[in-house]
Amino acid sequence: MPASTYLCYTIYMKKMTIRDIAKKAGVSVATVSYIINNRNTEKYTPETKKKVLQIINLYDYKPSRLAQAFASSKSHNIIVALDKQNTVFQKSEYLDFIRMLGDSLEKMQYNLLVKSHLETTRFDTADAIVCLGTEEDMFLRLAQENYVPLLTVDARIHDELFFQVSQDFENVKRQADKAFGHGNYTAVFVDTYNESLKEEIRSVFGNVHFVVSNGLSDVPKGNVVTVNRVLTEIPLLSDRNFLLVPALTDKRIQAVINCFQKAVSKEEVPEHKVFI
């Protein structure tokens, strides 16, 4: 299993030229030049502009003037983008994550901005975007609209360009098997909107239950393994025998920070998935 998960754009090749960018985008050199210099906008579509700018960002192509523009546009803001949070349990988990990440970023002299519900998918005030529990289609819309590094936490995105940080569920299973015996427990998690992640969880554990606000009475009794601390603190569930393998740890926050730094610096890495 790969070591921890990152998210964002990376490069693996020699310095790109404007001709390389044009070839990757399937457009002429002139079109790339027009887009870089924001000229002759009638000669290309908004979709072409998005594609070219994404490739420029992906391969870290920075002509001298563009490099100066990028350097002067650093905002020292990091956005955490939250998708729907319909349950009090989701809100509790997200709040703790934001608090811990904000404390770490403050030491690095970065501001943390929180965007929820994501009615707007274009952000112009950030050096990177951390997507927390985001659905894949929403994440991909963010990727199309923004030209800064994107990173996901607690989600599965079927695109290896992006860093992804998440729980090592195989490790959770090993610890539960050791504590309770193979299969002699239920894996219980706060519900998530990322369906790919839920499918992965179901593939690892034999018995899985996702908790929503009105579903506490449905949580199976007996042995329970979870990664969500909030579930172990609910009085109504006090008669369950919990094993907590916490998702929210200093190690996870540091992994997110490391991913962000590698993404922004365009550091070459062999793997974009980080499991904690």
Protein backbone atom coordinates (compact mmCIF):
# COMPACT_ATOMS: atom_id res chain seq x y z
CA MET A 1 0.00 0.00 0.00
CA PRO A 2 1.40 3.41 -0.86
CA ALA A 3 2.58 5.68 1.89
CA SER A 4 0.50 8.78 2.68
CA THR A 5 -1.74 10.80 0.22
CA TYR A 6 -1.16 14.11 -1.40
CA LEU A 7 -3.16 16.16 -3.88
CA CYS A 8 -2.21 18.53 -6.58
CA TYR A 9 -0.41 19.12 -9.80
CA THR A 10 3.14 17.85 -10.31
CA ILE A 11 5.78 17.71 -13.05
CA TYR A 12 8.06 14.94 -14.14
CA MET A 13 9.89 16.38 -17.11
CA LYS A 14 12.30 18.93 -18.48
CA LYS A 15 11.46 22.61 -18.65
CA MET A 16 8.54 23.19 -21.02
CA THR A 17 8.56 25.59 -23.95
CA ILE A 18 5.63 27.47 -25.41
CA ARG A 19 5.62 24.96 -28.29
CA ASP A 20 5.34 22.08 -25.81
CA ILE A 21 2.39 23.80 -24.13
CA ALA A 22 0.68 24.33 -27.51
CA LYS A 23 1.18 20.68 -28.44
CA LYS A 24 -0.21 19.44 -25.12
CA ALA A 25 -3.26 21.68 -25.47
CA GLY A 26 -3.80 20.89 -29.14
CA VAL A 27 -3.68 24.55 -30.17
CA SER A 28 -1.31 26.84 -32.04
CA VAL A 29 1.66 28.61 -30.49
CA ALA A 30 -0.06 31.88 -31.33
CA THR A 31 -3.13 30.86 -29.31
CA VAL A 32 -0.99 30.07 -26.27
CA SER A 33 0.72 33.45 -26.65
CA TYR A 34 -2.63 35.22 -26.91
CA ILE A 35 -3.87 33.50 -23.73
CA ILE A 36 -0.69 34.23 -21.76
CA ASN A 37 -0.87 37.88 -22.73
CA ASN A 38 -4.68 38.10 -22.52
CA ARG A 39 -4.95 39.35 -26.09
CA ASN A 40 -7.23 38.64 -29.08
CA THR A 41 -9.80 36.91 -26.89
CA GLU A 42 -12.11 36.49 -29.86
CA LYS A 43 -9.65 33.97 -31.32
CA TYR A 44 -10.19 31.31 -28.66
CA THR A 45 -13.03 29.99 -26.52
CA PRO A 46 -13.23 30.16 -22.71
CA GLU A 47 -12.82 26.36 -22.69
CA THR A 48 -9.57 26.62 -24.65
CA LYS A 49 -8.28 29.28 -22.26
CA LYS A 50 -9.04 27.05 -19.26
CA LYS A 51 -7.27 24.10 -20.86
CA VAL A 52 -4.14 26.10 -21.73
CA LEU A 53 -3.92 27.70 -18.29
CA GLN A 54 -4.32 24.33 -16.60
CA ILE A 55 -1.48 22.87 -18.67
CA ILE A 56 0.68 25.92 -17.92
CA ASN A 57 0.10 25.36 -14.21
CA LEU A 58 0.55 21.60 -14.45
CA TYR A 59 3.96 21.83 -16.11
CA ASP A 60 5.09 24.92 -14.21
CA TYR A 61 5.59 26.86 -17.44
CA LYS A 62 6.49 30.42 -16.49
CA PRO A 63 7.83 32.85 -19.08
CA SER A 64 9.65 35.72 -17.39
CA ARG A 65 6.68 38.10 -17.39
CA LEU A 66 4.29 35.38 -16.33
CA ALA A 67 6.68 34.30 -13.59
CA GLN A 68 6.71 37.83 -12.23
CA ALA A 69 2.92 37.92 -12.29
CA PHE A 70 2.72 34.62 -10.42
CA ALA A 71 5.26 35.75 -7.84
CA SER A 72 3.45 39.01 -7.17
CA SER A 73 0.06 37.30 -6.91
CA LYS A 74 0.86 35.16 -3.85
CA SER A 75 -1.96 35.70 -1.39
CA HIS A 76 -0.73 33.62 1.58
CA ASN A 77 -4.29 32.31 1.78
CA ILE A 78 -5.27 28.64 1.81
CA ILE A 79 -8.91 27.79 1.17
CA VAL A 80 -10.61 24.79 2.76
CA ALA A 81 -13.56 23.90 0.55
CA LEU A 82 -16.38 22.02 2.28
CA ASP A 83 -19.11 20.23 0.43
CA LYS A 84 -22.49 19.53 2.01
CA GLN A 85 -22.46 18.97 5.79
CA ASN A 86 -25.92 17.80 6.72
CA THR A 87 -25.14 16.11 10.02
CA VAL A 88 -23.85 17.42 13.32
CA PHE A 89 -21.25 14.66 13.26
CA GLN A 90 -19.80 15.86 9.95
CA LYS A 91 -19.71 19.43 11.21
CA SER A 92 -17.92 18.37 14.39
CA GLU A 93 -15.24 16.41 12.51
CA TYR A 94 -14.71 19.22 9.99
CA LEU A 95 -14.47 21.88 12.70
CA ASP A 96 -11.71 20.01 14.52
CA PHE A 97 -9.80 19.51 11.26
CA ILE A 98 -10.08 23.20 10.36
CA ARG A 99 -8.94 24.27 13.83
CA MET A 100 -5.86 22.05 13.74
CA LEU A 101 -4.95 22.94 10.17
CA GLY A 102 -5.45 26.64 10.87
CA ASP A 103 -3.08 26.49 13.85
CA SER A 104 -0.37 24.88 11.70
CA LEU A 105 -0.81 27.29 8.80
CA GLU A 106 -0.70 30.30 11.11
CA LYS A 107 2.81 29.29 12.18
CA MET A 108 3.74 29.36 8.48
CA GLN A 109 2.17 32.84 8.12
CA TYR A 110 -0.72 31.57 5.99
CA ASN A 111 -4.35 32.52 6.44
CA LEU A 112 -7.03 29.84 6.36
CA LEU A 113 -10.29 30.70 4.57
CA VAL A 114 -13.30 28.39 4.73
CA LYS A 115 -15.75 28.10 1.84
CA SER A 116 -18.82 25.94 2.44
CA HIS A 117 -21.70 24.74 0.28
CA LEU A 118 -19.56 25.66 -2.75
CA GLU A 119 -22.16 27.66 -4.62
CA THR A 120 -19.16 29.38 -6.23
CA THR A 121 -16.38 27.21 -7.68
CA ARG A 122 -13.93 29.92 -8.77
CA PHE A 123 -11.61 31.38 -6.13
CA ASP A 124 -9.13 34.17 -6.84
CA THR A 125 -7.70 34.67 -3.36
CA ALA A 126 -5.77 31.49 -2.60
CA ASP A 127 -2.41 29.85 -3.18
CA ALA A 128 -3.97 26.39 -2.82
CA ILE A 129 -7.32 24.72 -2.14
CA VAL A 130 -7.84 21.86 0.32
CA CYS A 131 -11.06 19.97 -0.43
CA LEU A 132 -12.49 18.20 2.61
CA GLY A 133 -14.85 15.29 1.99
CA THR A 134 -15.80 16.67 -1.42
CA GLU A 135 -17.81 14.76 -3.99
CA GLU A 136 -15.78 13.91 -7.08
CA ASP A 137 -17.88 15.89 -9.54
CA MET A 138 -17.61 18.99 -7.35
CA PHE A 139 -13.85 18.53 -7.01
CA LEU A 140 -13.47 18.29 -10.78
CA ARG A 141 -15.48 21.49 -11.24
CA LEU A 142 -13.10 23.21 -8.82
CA ALA A 143 -10.16 21.86 -10.78
CA GLN A 144 -11.56 23.27 -14.02
CA GLU A 145 -12.19 26.72 -12.56
CA ASN A 146 -9.00 27.27 -10.54
CA TYR A 147 -5.35 27.34 -11.53
CA VAL A 148 -3.78 26.76 -8.13
CA PRO A 149 -2.89 23.41 -6.53
CA LEU A 150 -5.84 21.35 -5.28
CA LEU A 151 -5.56 18.71 -2.59
CA THR A 152 -8.22 16.37 -1.22
CA VAL A 153 -8.71 15.02 2.28
CA ASP A 154 -11.09 12.12 3.01
CA ALA A 155 -12.21 11.70 -0.58
CA ARG A 156 -11.36 9.57 -3.57
CA ILE A 157 -10.67 11.26 -6.90
CA HIS A 158 -9.98 9.17 -9.99
CA ASP A 159 -7.21 11.41 -11.25
CA GLU A 160 -3.61 10.82 -10.26
CA LEU A 161 -2.64 14.43 -10.93
CA PHE A 162 -4.00 15.37 -7.52
CA PHE A 163 -2.68 14.74 -4.04
CA GLN A 164 -5.08 12.79 -1.84
CA VAL A 165 -4.76 12.35 1.93
CA SER A 166 -6.93 9.85 3.73
CA GLN A 167 -7.22 7.19 6.40
CA ASP A 168 -5.35 3.92 5.99
CA PHE A 169 -8.40 1.70 6.32
CA GLU A 170 -6.36 -1.48 5.93
CA ASN A 171 -4.48 -0.47 9.08
CA VAL A 172 -7.79 0.22 10.86
CA LYS A 173 -8.93 -3.28 9.92
CA ARG A 174 -5.71 -4.86 11.17
CA GLN A 175 -6.08 -3.13 14.53
CA ALA A 176 -9.75 -4.15 14.80
CA ASP A 177 -8.96 -7.78 13.92
CA LYS A 178 -6.27 -7.81 16.60
CA ALA A 179 -8.57 -6.28 19.22
CA PHE A 180 -11.80 -8.17 18.51
CA GLY A 181 -10.93 -11.10 16.28
CA HIS A 182 -11.41 -11.33 12.54
CA GLY A 183 -14.85 -9.98 11.55
CA ASN A 184 -16.12 -9.91 15.16
CA TYR A 185 -17.07 -6.21 14.98
CA THR A 186 -18.81 -3.53 12.94
CA ALA A 187 -16.92 -0.67 11.30
CA VAL A 188 -18.89 2.52 12.01
CA PHE A 189 -18.15 5.86 10.36
CA VAL A 190 -19.64 9.32 10.11
CA ASP A 191 -21.39 9.44 6.74
CA THR A 192 -19.52 10.93 3.79
CA TYR A 193 -20.73 12.28 0.44
CA ASN A 194 -17.78 10.91 -1.50
CA GLU A 195 -19.21 7.70 -2.92
CA SER A 196 -15.85 6.37 -4.12
CA LEU A 197 -14.50 6.53 -0.57
CA LYS A 198 -17.57 4.73 0.77
CA GLU A 199 -17.08 1.97 -1.82
CA GLU A 200 -13.46 1.60 -0.72
CA ILE A 201 -14.47 1.35 2.95
CA ARG A 202 -17.07 -1.31 2.14
CA SER A 203 -14.45 -3.29 0.21
CA VAL A 204 -12.16 -3.38 3.26
CA PHE A 205 -14.64 -4.23 6.04
CA GLY A 206 -17.19 -6.99 6.15
CA ASN A 207 -19.74 -5.08 8.24
CA VAL A 208 -19.99 -1.31 7.73
CA HIS A 209 -22.44 1.26 9.08
CA PHE A 210 -22.51 4.96 8.16
CA VAL A 211 -24.06 7.24 10.78
CA VAL A 212 -26.40 10.13 10.02
CA SER A 213 -27.94 12.51 12.56
CA ASN A 214 -31.15 10.55 13.00
CA GLY A 215 -29.58 7.12 12.78
CA LEU A 216 -27.98 6.55 16.19
CA SER A 217 -30.45 3.87 17.14
CA ASP A 218 -29.34 1.88 14.09
CA VAL A 219 -25.71 1.68 15.16
CA PRO A 220 -25.06 -2.03 15.85
CA LYS A 221 -24.28 -3.02 19.41
CA GLY A 222 -21.27 -5.00 20.52
CA ASN A 223 -17.76 -4.43 19.19
CA VAL A 224 -17.32 -1.31 17.07
CA VAL A 225 -14.26 0.15 15.35
CA THR A 226 -14.33 3.76 14.21
CA VAL A 227 -12.03 6.58 13.11
CA ASN A 228 -14.40 9.32 14.30
CA ARG A 229 -13.79 10.43 17.88
CA VAL A 230 -17.18 12.18 18.03
CA LEU A 231 -18.99 8.81 17.91
CA THR A 232 -17.17 7.54 21.00
CA GLU A 233 -18.37 10.55 23.01
CA ILE A 234 -22.13 10.13 22.39
CA PRO A 235 -23.96 8.95 25.53
CA LEU A 236 -26.52 6.99 23.49
CA LEU A 237 -23.68 4.82 22.18
CA SER A 238 -21.96 4.29 25.51
CA ASP A 239 -22.99 0.62 25.66
CA ARG A 240 -20.92 -0.17 22.53
CA ASN A 241 -17.41 -1.53 22.92
CA PHE A 242 -15.47 1.04 20.86
CA LEU A 243 -12.00 0.78 19.37
CA LEU A 244 -10.95 4.24 18.16
CA VAL A 245 -8.28 4.51 15.46
CA PRO A 246 -8.46 8.30 15.14
CA ALA A 247 -8.55 9.95 11.74
CA LEU A 248 -7.77 13.39 13.06
CA THR A 249 -4.19 13.43 14.33
CA ASP A 250 -1.19 15.73 14.23
CA LYS A 251 0.36 13.28 11.78
CA ARG A 252 -2.51 13.77 9.34
CA ILE A 253 -2.33 17.55 9.58
CA GLN A 254 1.41 17.38 8.91
CA ALA A 255 0.75 15.19 5.87
CA VAL A 256 -1.63 17.83 4.49
CA ILE A 257 1.00 20.53 5.10
CA ASN A 258 3.67 18.43 3.38
CA CYS A 259 1.41 17.84 0.38
CA PHE A 260 0.63 21.54 0.13
CA GLN A 261 4.33 22.44 0.21
CA LYS A 262 5.25 19.86 -2.43
CA ALA A 263 2.37 20.94 -4.65
CA VAL A 264 3.17 24.64 -4.48
CA SER A 265 6.88 24.07 -5.06
CA LYS A 266 6.12 21.67 -7.96
CA GLU A 267 8.31 19.05 -6.33
CA GLU A 268 8.50 15.77 -8.19
CA VAL A 269 7.01 12.92 -6.16
CA PRO A 270 6.48 9.25 -7.07
CA GLU A 271 3.05 8.92 -5.43
CA HIS A 272 0.13 11.28 -4.86
CA LYS A 273 -1.86 9.12 -2.46
CA VAL A 274 -0.97 9.44 1.21
CA PHE A 275 -2.51 7.07 3.75
CA ILE A 276 -2.34 7.94 7.45
